[in-house]
Amino acid sequence: MIKVQHHGIAYLKSFVIFNRWGNKVFETTDLDQGWDGKFNGQPQPMGIYIYYAEATTYKGKRFYKQGNITLIR
């Protein structure tokens, strides 16, 4: 399960994961919800996925993170 570690985060505006073709396979605004490697109930193939996260800390600072996730089964 891949999810945002929410130490110090007050609000998650978005956490989105895309496959290598740019198709969105996961999206949430819930800090407790994570991606289980499936899209529409179907396991996704092993490979590199891109994530973007936008959040606000308890001190009101907004930040953005992006990177790669390698899905291995």
Protein backbone atom coordinates (compact mmCIF):
# COMPACT_ATOMS: atom_id res chain seq x y z
CA MET A 1 0.00 0.00 0.00
CA ILE A 2 1.43 3.36 -1.03
CA LYS A 3 0.13 6.42 0.77
CA VAL A 4 1.23 9.84 1.95
CA GLN A 5 3.02 9.78 5.30
CA HIS A 6 1.11 12.51 7.06
CA HIS A 7 3.45 13.60 9.83
CA GLY A 8 2.79 17.34 10.13
CA ILE A 9 0.24 17.44 7.30
CA ALA A 10 -3.08 19.06 8.13
CA TYR A 11 -4.72 18.85 4.71
CA LEU A 12 -4.07 16.76 1.61
CA LYS A 13 -5.27 18.61 -1.47
CA SER A 14 -4.38 15.74 -3.81
CA PHE A 15 -2.33 12.58 -4.18
CA VAL A 16 -2.38 11.28 -7.75
CA ILE A 17 -0.62 8.36 -9.44
CA PHE A 18 -0.21 7.97 -13.22
CA ASN A 19 1.02 5.04 -15.27
CA ARG A 20 3.78 5.41 -17.87
CA TRP A 21 1.25 6.41 -20.55
CA GLY A 22 -0.05 9.28 -18.43
CA ASN A 23 -3.32 7.61 -17.45
CA LYS A 24 -4.50 8.35 -13.92
CA VAL A 25 -4.68 5.09 -11.95
CA PHE A 26 -5.28 6.54 -8.46
CA GLU A 27 -6.40 9.77 -6.83
CA THR A 28 -7.34 10.72 -3.28
CA THR A 29 -7.61 13.62 -0.85
CA ASP A 30 -7.84 11.27 2.16
CA LEU A 31 -4.60 11.01 4.16
CA ASP A 32 -5.53 7.50 5.31
CA GLN A 33 -6.25 6.13 1.83
CA GLY A 34 -3.47 4.59 -0.23
CA TRP A 35 -2.94 2.89 -3.57
CA ASP A 36 -2.98 -0.92 -3.57
CA GLY A 37 -1.53 -1.27 -7.08
CA LYS A 38 -4.94 -1.75 -8.70
CA PHE A 39 -7.05 0.30 -11.11
CA ASN A 40 -10.78 -0.46 -11.36
CA GLY A 41 -10.12 -3.59 -9.31
CA GLN A 42 -7.51 -4.90 -11.73
CA PRO A 43 -3.87 -5.36 -10.66
CA GLN A 44 -1.63 -3.05 -12.64
CA PRO A 45 1.51 -4.30 -14.37
CA MET A 46 4.91 -4.01 -12.76
CA GLY A 47 6.73 -0.87 -13.75
CA ILE A 48 7.38 2.78 -13.02
CA TYR A 49 4.51 5.04 -11.93
CA ILE A 50 4.59 8.80 -11.36
CA TYR A 51 3.08 10.45 -8.28
CA TYR A 52 2.16 14.02 -7.42
CA ALA A 53 1.13 15.18 -3.97
CA GLU A 54 -0.03 18.60 -2.81
CA ALA A 55 -0.63 19.29 0.87
CA THR A 56 -0.72 21.92 3.60
CA THR A 57 1.10 21.61 6.93
CA TYR A 58 -0.33 22.51 10.33
CA LYS A 59 1.68 25.74 10.10
CA GLY A 60 -0.10 26.67 6.87
CA LYS A 61 2.81 25.97 4.53
CA ARG A 62 1.81 24.50 1.18
CA PHE A 63 4.12 22.04 -0.49
CA TYR A 64 4.31 19.83 -3.54
CA LYS A 65 6.09 16.53 -4.03
CA GLN A 66 6.52 14.43 -7.14
CA GLY A 67 8.50 11.36 -7.95
CA ASN A 68 8.55 7.79 -9.19
CA ILE A 69 7.15 4.63 -7.67
CA THR A 70 8.30 1.20 -8.84
CA LEU A 71 5.53 -1.38 -8.62
CA ILE A 72 6.92 -4.87 -8.06
CA ARG A 73 4.77 -7.98 -7.65
